[in-house]
């Protein structure tokens, strides 16, 4: 599938503002903006295996499209939600466990890049990855 492969973050748009809206402190925001995130995605039908490796942590995530699962962000924020395929986009809606606020995320291939978009409390951010 198009998402399969190893993707390394190339650049961010509005990522620090997004992290601020999420309640992440200034020091963690500064570090997070330079996390050197690498995402490895493998798809087998409706099942995905994703490895996220950064300067701060490496985790393996397995999920099935449309099935809710638990996930924690690098800062420890715990979420529950599901990814779905809408056309050529992976679209997720996650709910924070601490305050019940919603985080939306999409992943799509645009040209030769994987574009990951986050939307939280009206603040949108994008991260661009290259193979």
N, C-alpha and C. Protein backbone atom coordinates (compact mmCIF):
# COMPACT_ATOMS: atom_id res chain seq x y z
N UNK A 1 0.84 -1.20 0.00
CA UNK A 1 0.00 0.00 0.00
C UNK A 1 0.88 1.25 0.00
N UNK A 2 0.25 2.36 -0.26
CA UNK A 2 0.98 3.62 -0.39
C UNK A 2 1.63 4.07 0.91
N UNK A 3 1.05 3.71 2.06
CA UNK A 3 1.59 4.17 3.34
C UNK A 3 2.81 3.36 3.77
N UNK A 4 2.97 2.16 3.23
CA UNK A 4 4.06 1.29 3.64
C UNK A 4 5.41 1.95 3.42
N UNK A 5 6.30 1.77 4.40
CA UNK A 5 7.65 2.29 4.27
C UNK A 5 8.09 2.98 5.54
N UNK A 6 9.30 3.49 5.49
CA UNK A 6 9.87 4.24 6.61
C UNK A 6 9.92 5.70 6.22
N UNK A 7 9.35 6.53 7.08
CA UNK A 7 9.20 7.95 6.83
C UNK A 7 9.90 8.74 7.92
N UNK A 8 10.74 9.71 7.52
CA UNK A 8 11.46 10.55 8.48
C UNK A 8 10.94 11.97 8.38
N UNK A 9 10.68 12.58 9.56
CA UNK A 9 10.15 13.94 9.56
C UNK A 9 11.12 14.87 8.84
N UNK A 10 10.58 15.71 7.98
CA UNK A 10 11.37 16.66 7.21
C UNK A 10 11.16 18.09 7.70
N UNK A 11 9.89 18.42 7.99
CA UNK A 11 9.58 19.78 8.46
C UNK A 11 8.20 19.80 9.11
N UNK A 12 7.96 20.86 9.86
CA UNK A 12 6.70 21.03 10.59
C UNK A 12 6.08 22.38 10.24
N UNK A 13 4.76 22.44 10.36
CA UNK A 13 4.03 23.72 10.26
C UNK A 13 3.16 23.86 11.51
N UNK A 14 3.39 24.91 12.27
CA UNK A 14 2.56 25.25 13.42
C UNK A 14 2.59 24.18 14.53
N UNK A 15 3.66 23.38 14.57
CA UNK A 15 3.72 22.27 15.50
C UNK A 15 3.87 22.75 16.96
N UNK A 16 4.64 23.79 17.17
CA UNK A 16 4.80 24.30 18.55
C UNK A 16 3.49 24.86 19.09
N UNK A 17 2.73 25.55 18.25
CA UNK A 17 1.41 26.08 18.68
C UNK A 17 0.46 24.93 19.02
N UNK A 18 0.51 23.87 18.21
CA UNK A 18 -0.31 22.70 18.48
C UNK A 18 0.06 22.09 19.83
N UNK A 19 1.36 21.91 20.07
CA UNK A 19 1.80 21.34 21.34
C UNK A 19 1.40 22.23 22.52
N UNK A 20 1.47 23.54 22.32
CA UNK A 20 1.04 24.48 23.36
C UNK A 20 -0.45 24.29 23.66
N UNK A 21 -1.27 24.17 22.62
CA UNK A 21 -2.71 23.95 22.81
C UNK A 21 -2.97 22.65 23.56
N UNK A 22 -2.11 21.65 23.35
CA UNK A 22 -2.24 20.37 24.03
C UNK A 22 -1.81 20.45 25.50
N UNK A 23 -1.22 21.59 25.90
CA UNK A 23 -0.81 21.75 27.29
C UNK A 23 0.60 21.30 27.57
N UNK A 24 1.40 21.15 26.54
CA UNK A 24 2.79 20.71 26.70
C UNK A 24 3.65 21.92 27.04
N UNK A 25 4.47 21.80 28.07
CA UNK A 25 5.32 22.90 28.54
C UNK A 25 6.35 23.33 27.51
N UNK A 26 6.90 24.53 27.72
CA UNK A 26 7.80 25.14 26.74
C UNK A 26 9.04 24.27 26.47
N UNK A 27 9.66 23.73 27.50
CA UNK A 27 10.87 22.94 27.27
C UNK A 27 10.56 21.70 26.42
N UNK A 28 9.48 21.01 26.75
CA UNK A 28 9.11 19.82 25.96
C UNK A 28 8.70 20.21 24.55
N UNK A 29 8.09 21.39 24.38
CA UNK A 29 7.74 21.85 23.02
C UNK A 29 9.00 22.08 22.20
N UNK A 30 10.00 22.71 22.80
CA UNK A 30 11.25 22.99 22.08
C UNK A 30 11.93 21.68 21.68
N UNK A 31 11.96 20.72 22.60
CA UNK A 31 12.55 19.42 22.29
C UNK A 31 11.72 18.68 21.26
N UNK A 32 10.39 18.71 21.41
CA UNK A 32 9.49 18.01 20.51
C UNK A 32 9.57 18.50 19.08
N UNK A 33 9.87 19.77 18.92
CA UNK A 33 9.96 20.34 17.56
C UNK A 33 11.17 19.78 16.80
N UNK A 34 12.10 19.16 17.54
CA UNK A 34 13.31 18.60 16.92
C UNK A 34 13.48 17.14 17.34
N UNK A 35 12.40 16.37 17.30
CA UNK A 35 12.42 15.00 17.80
C UNK A 35 12.98 13.98 16.82
N UNK A 36 13.23 14.38 15.56
CA UNK A 36 13.75 13.47 14.53
C UNK A 36 12.89 12.22 14.39
N UNK A 37 11.57 12.39 14.44
CA UNK A 37 10.65 11.27 14.39
C UNK A 37 10.77 10.49 13.09
N UNK A 38 10.82 9.17 13.22
CA UNK A 38 10.81 8.26 12.08
C UNK A 38 9.64 7.31 12.30
N UNK A 39 8.79 7.18 11.29
CA UNK A 39 7.62 6.31 11.36
C UNK A 39 7.77 5.21 10.32
N UNK A 40 7.64 3.96 10.76
CA UNK A 40 7.65 2.83 9.84
C UNK A 40 6.25 2.23 9.84
N UNK A 41 5.63 2.20 8.66
CA UNK A 41 4.25 1.73 8.53
C UNK A 41 4.23 0.47 7.67
N UNK A 42 3.50 -0.54 8.17
CA UNK A 42 3.25 -1.75 7.39
C UNK A 42 1.76 -2.02 7.45
N UNK A 43 1.15 -2.20 6.29
CA UNK A 43 -0.28 -2.48 6.22
C UNK A 43 -0.50 -3.86 5.65
N UNK A 44 -1.41 -4.60 6.30
CA UNK A 44 -1.82 -5.91 5.82
C UNK A 44 -3.34 -5.93 5.89
N UNK A 45 -4.00 -5.58 4.78
CA UNK A 45 -5.46 -5.47 4.77
C UNK A 45 -5.89 -4.32 5.68
N UNK A 46 -6.75 -4.62 6.68
CA UNK A 46 -7.23 -3.60 7.62
C UNK A 46 -6.32 -3.44 8.82
N UNK A 47 -5.26 -4.23 8.91
CA UNK A 47 -4.36 -4.19 10.06
C UNK A 47 -3.10 -3.39 9.74
N UNK A 48 -2.71 -2.55 10.68
CA UNK A 48 -1.51 -1.73 10.53
C UNK A 48 -0.56 -1.99 11.69
N UNK A 49 0.72 -2.01 11.38
CA UNK A 49 1.77 -2.01 12.39
C UNK A 49 2.58 -0.74 12.14
N UNK A 50 2.71 0.07 13.19
CA UNK A 50 3.43 1.33 13.08
C UNK A 50 4.49 1.38 14.17
N UNK A 51 5.72 1.68 13.77
CA UNK A 51 6.80 1.88 14.73
C UNK A 51 7.15 3.36 14.69
N UNK A 52 7.09 4.01 15.85
CA UNK A 52 7.47 5.41 15.96
C UNK A 52 8.77 5.47 16.76
N UNK A 53 9.80 6.02 16.14
CA UNK A 53 11.11 6.14 16.80
C UNK A 53 11.53 7.60 16.76
N UNK A 54 11.85 8.14 17.93
CA UNK A 54 12.31 9.53 18.01
C UNK A 54 13.47 9.62 18.98
N UNK A 55 13.92 10.85 19.23
CA UNK A 55 14.99 11.06 20.22
C UNK A 55 14.53 10.67 21.62
N UNK A 56 13.22 10.57 21.84
CA UNK A 56 12.69 10.40 23.19
C UNK A 56 12.15 9.01 23.49
N UNK A 57 11.66 8.31 22.46
CA UNK A 57 11.10 6.99 22.71
C UNK A 57 10.92 6.25 21.41
N UNK A 58 10.79 4.94 21.53
CA UNK A 58 10.45 4.08 20.41
C UNK A 58 9.29 3.21 20.87
N UNK A 59 8.20 3.23 20.10
CA UNK A 59 7.05 2.39 20.45
C UNK A 59 6.52 1.70 19.20
N UNK A 60 5.92 0.55 19.43
CA UNK A 60 5.25 -0.20 18.38
C UNK A 60 3.76 -0.14 18.63
N UNK A 61 3.00 0.18 17.59
CA UNK A 61 1.55 0.31 17.68
C UNK A 61 0.94 -0.62 16.65
N UNK A 62 -0.04 -1.38 17.07
CA UNK A 62 -0.79 -2.20 16.14
C UNK A 62 -2.25 -1.79 16.26
N UNK A 63 -2.89 -1.61 15.11
CA UNK A 63 -4.31 -1.28 15.14
C UNK A 63 -4.99 -1.85 13.91
N UNK A 64 -6.29 -2.01 14.04
CA UNK A 64 -7.15 -2.44 12.95
C UNK A 64 -8.07 -1.28 12.63
N UNK A 65 -8.24 -0.98 11.35
CA UNK A 65 -9.11 0.12 10.94
C UNK A 65 -10.48 -0.02 11.60
N UNK A 66 -10.97 1.09 12.17
CA UNK A 66 -12.30 1.12 12.76
C UNK A 66 -12.41 0.55 14.16
N UNK A 67 -11.31 0.02 14.71
CA UNK A 67 -11.33 -0.58 16.04
C UNK A 67 -10.61 0.35 17.02
N UNK A 68 -11.31 0.72 18.08
CA UNK A 68 -10.74 1.63 19.08
C UNK A 68 -9.58 0.97 19.82
N UNK A 69 -8.56 1.78 20.11
CA UNK A 69 -7.40 1.31 20.88
C UNK A 69 -6.87 2.45 21.73
N UNK A 70 -5.99 2.13 22.67
CA UNK A 70 -5.41 3.14 23.54
C UNK A 70 -4.01 3.47 23.05
N UNK A 71 -3.63 4.74 23.22
CA UNK A 71 -2.36 5.24 22.73
C UNK A 71 -1.91 6.35 23.66
N UNK A 72 -0.60 6.46 23.89
CA UNK A 72 -0.12 7.59 24.67
C UNK A 72 0.91 8.36 23.86
N UNK A 73 0.80 9.68 23.94
CA UNK A 73 1.72 10.57 23.24
C UNK A 73 3.08 10.56 23.96
N UNK A 74 4.09 11.12 23.32
CA UNK A 74 5.44 11.14 23.91
C UNK A 74 5.47 11.85 25.25
N UNK A 75 4.56 12.82 25.47
CA UNK A 75 4.55 13.54 26.75
C UNK A 75 3.74 12.82 27.83
N UNK A 76 3.18 11.64 27.48
CA UNK A 76 2.43 10.86 28.46
C UNK A 76 0.92 11.05 28.38
N UNK A 77 0.44 11.96 27.53
CA UNK A 77 -1.01 12.15 27.38
C UNK A 77 -1.62 10.87 26.84
N UNK A 78 -2.64 10.37 27.55
CA UNK A 78 -3.28 9.12 27.14
C UNK A 78 -4.54 9.41 26.33
N UNK A 79 -4.69 8.65 25.24
CA UNK A 79 -5.80 8.82 24.31
C UNK A 79 -6.46 7.48 24.03
N UNK A 80 -7.68 7.55 23.57
CA UNK A 80 -8.36 6.36 23.04
C UNK A 80 -9.08 6.79 21.76
N UNK A 81 -9.04 5.93 20.76
CA UNK A 81 -9.68 6.27 19.49
C UNK A 81 -9.37 5.24 18.44
N UNK A 82 -9.70 5.57 17.19
CA UNK A 82 -9.53 4.63 16.09
C UNK A 82 -9.13 5.36 14.82
N UNK A 83 -8.39 4.65 13.97
CA UNK A 83 -8.07 5.11 12.63
C UNK A 83 -9.06 4.48 11.66
N UNK A 84 -9.44 5.23 10.63
CA UNK A 84 -10.29 4.75 9.55
C UNK A 84 -9.68 5.18 8.23
N UNK A 85 -10.01 4.47 7.17
CA UNK A 85 -9.56 4.84 5.84
C UNK A 85 -10.71 5.56 5.15
N UNK A 86 -10.47 6.80 4.75
CA UNK A 86 -11.46 7.60 4.02
C UNK A 86 -10.83 7.99 2.69
N UNK A 87 -11.19 7.28 1.65
CA UNK A 87 -10.54 7.50 0.35
C UNK A 87 -9.10 7.07 0.47
N UNK A 88 -8.17 7.98 0.19
CA UNK A 88 -6.74 7.69 0.29
C UNK A 88 -6.12 8.21 1.59
N UNK A 89 -6.96 8.62 2.54
CA UNK A 89 -6.46 9.19 3.80
C UNK A 89 -6.75 8.26 4.97
N UNK A 90 -5.79 8.19 5.87
CA UNK A 90 -6.05 7.60 7.17
C UNK A 90 -6.55 8.73 8.06
N UNK A 91 -7.70 8.55 8.68
CA UNK A 91 -8.32 9.59 9.50
C UNK A 91 -8.59 9.01 10.89
N UNK A 92 -8.17 9.74 11.92
CA UNK A 92 -8.37 9.27 13.29
C UNK A 92 -9.05 10.32 14.14
N UNK A 93 -9.84 9.84 15.07
CA UNK A 93 -10.41 10.69 16.10
C UNK A 93 -10.04 10.05 17.43
N UNK A 94 -9.29 10.79 18.24
CA UNK A 94 -8.86 10.33 19.56
C UNK A 94 -9.46 11.24 20.62
N UNK A 95 -9.80 10.66 21.76
CA UNK A 95 -10.31 11.43 22.90
C UNK A 95 -9.28 11.31 24.02
N UNK A 96 -8.91 12.48 24.56
CA UNK A 96 -7.98 12.48 25.70
C UNK A 96 -8.67 11.89 26.91
N UNK A 97 -7.96 11.07 27.66
CA UNK A 97 -8.53 10.46 28.86
C UNK A 97 -8.62 11.47 30.02
N UNK A 98 -7.73 12.47 30.03
CA UNK A 98 -7.69 13.40 31.17
C UNK A 98 -8.75 14.49 31.11
N UNK A 99 -9.17 14.89 29.90
CA UNK A 99 -10.12 16.00 29.82
C UNK A 99 -11.24 15.79 28.79
N UNK A 100 -11.26 14.63 28.14
CA UNK A 100 -12.31 14.28 27.17
C UNK A 100 -12.30 15.16 25.91
N UNK A 101 -11.26 15.95 25.70
CA UNK A 101 -11.18 16.77 24.48
C UNK A 101 -10.71 15.90 23.32
N UNK A 102 -11.10 16.30 22.11
CA UNK A 102 -10.86 15.49 20.92
C UNK A 102 -9.64 15.98 20.14
N UNK A 103 -8.81 15.02 19.73
CA UNK A 103 -7.67 15.25 18.85
C UNK A 103 -7.97 14.52 17.55
N UNK A 104 -7.95 15.25 16.44
CA UNK A 104 -8.15 14.62 15.13
C UNK A 104 -6.81 14.57 14.42
N UNK A 105 -6.60 13.50 13.68
CA UNK A 105 -5.34 13.33 12.95
C UNK A 105 -5.63 12.71 11.60
N UNK A 106 -4.86 13.09 10.60
CA UNK A 106 -4.94 12.45 9.29
C UNK A 106 -3.53 12.15 8.81
N UNK A 107 -3.43 11.12 8.01
CA UNK A 107 -2.19 10.80 7.31
C UNK A 107 -2.56 10.60 5.86
N UNK A 108 -1.83 11.28 4.98
CA UNK A 108 -2.08 11.10 3.55
C UNK A 108 -0.78 11.26 2.78
N UNK A 109 -0.72 10.61 1.64
CA UNK A 109 0.44 10.72 0.76
C UNK A 109 0.15 11.85 -0.22
N UNK A 110 1.02 12.85 -0.23
CA UNK A 110 0.90 13.98 -1.15
C UNK A 110 2.23 14.05 -1.91
N UNK A 111 2.17 13.73 -3.19
CA UNK A 111 3.41 13.65 -3.97
C UNK A 111 4.28 12.54 -3.41
N UNK A 112 5.50 12.89 -2.99
CA UNK A 112 6.41 11.89 -2.41
C UNK A 112 6.52 12.03 -0.89
N UNK A 113 5.55 12.73 -0.28
CA UNK A 113 5.59 12.95 1.16
C UNK A 113 4.39 12.32 1.87
N UNK A 114 4.62 11.95 3.12
CA UNK A 114 3.55 11.58 4.03
C UNK A 114 3.24 12.84 4.83
N UNK A 115 2.01 13.32 4.75
CA UNK A 115 1.61 14.52 5.48
C UNK A 115 0.70 14.09 6.63
N UNK A 116 1.14 14.43 7.84
CA UNK A 116 0.36 14.11 9.03
C UNK A 116 -0.19 15.43 9.57
N UNK A 117 -1.51 15.52 9.68
CA UNK A 117 -2.18 16.74 10.14
C UNK A 117 -2.85 16.46 11.47
N UNK A 118 -2.69 17.40 12.41
CA UNK A 118 -3.33 17.32 13.72
C UNK A 118 -4.27 18.50 13.88
N UNK A 119 -5.40 18.29 14.54
CA UNK A 119 -6.31 19.38 14.86
C UNK A 119 -6.77 19.19 16.31
N UNK A 120 -6.48 20.19 17.14
CA UNK A 120 -6.86 20.13 18.55
C UNK A 120 -7.25 21.53 19.01
N UNK A 121 -8.46 21.64 19.53
CA UNK A 121 -8.95 22.92 20.07
C UNK A 121 -8.79 24.06 19.06
N UNK A 122 -9.06 23.77 17.79
CA UNK A 122 -9.00 24.79 16.75
C UNK A 122 -7.61 25.09 16.22
N UNK A 123 -6.58 24.43 16.74
CA UNK A 123 -5.20 24.65 16.29
C UNK A 123 -4.81 23.49 15.38
N UNK A 124 -4.43 23.82 14.13
CA UNK A 124 -4.02 22.81 13.17
C UNK A 124 -2.52 22.84 12.97
N UNK A 125 -1.93 21.68 12.88
CA UNK A 125 -0.49 21.54 12.64
C UNK A 125 -0.27 20.46 11.60
N UNK A 126 0.82 20.59 10.87
CA UNK A 126 1.18 19.56 9.89
C UNK A 126 2.63 19.18 10.09
N UNK A 127 2.89 17.89 9.89
CA UNK A 127 4.25 17.38 9.88
C UNK A 127 4.44 16.67 8.55
N UNK A 128 5.54 16.95 7.89
CA UNK A 128 5.83 16.40 6.56
C UNK A 128 6.99 15.41 6.67
N UNK A 129 6.78 14.21 6.13
CA UNK A 129 7.77 13.14 6.20
C UNK A 129 8.20 12.72 4.80
N UNK A 130 9.46 12.34 4.69
CA UNK A 130 9.99 11.81 3.42
C UNK A 130 10.50 10.39 3.65
N UNK A 131 10.42 9.58 2.60
CA UNK A 131 10.91 8.19 2.70
C UNK A 131 12.41 8.17 2.83
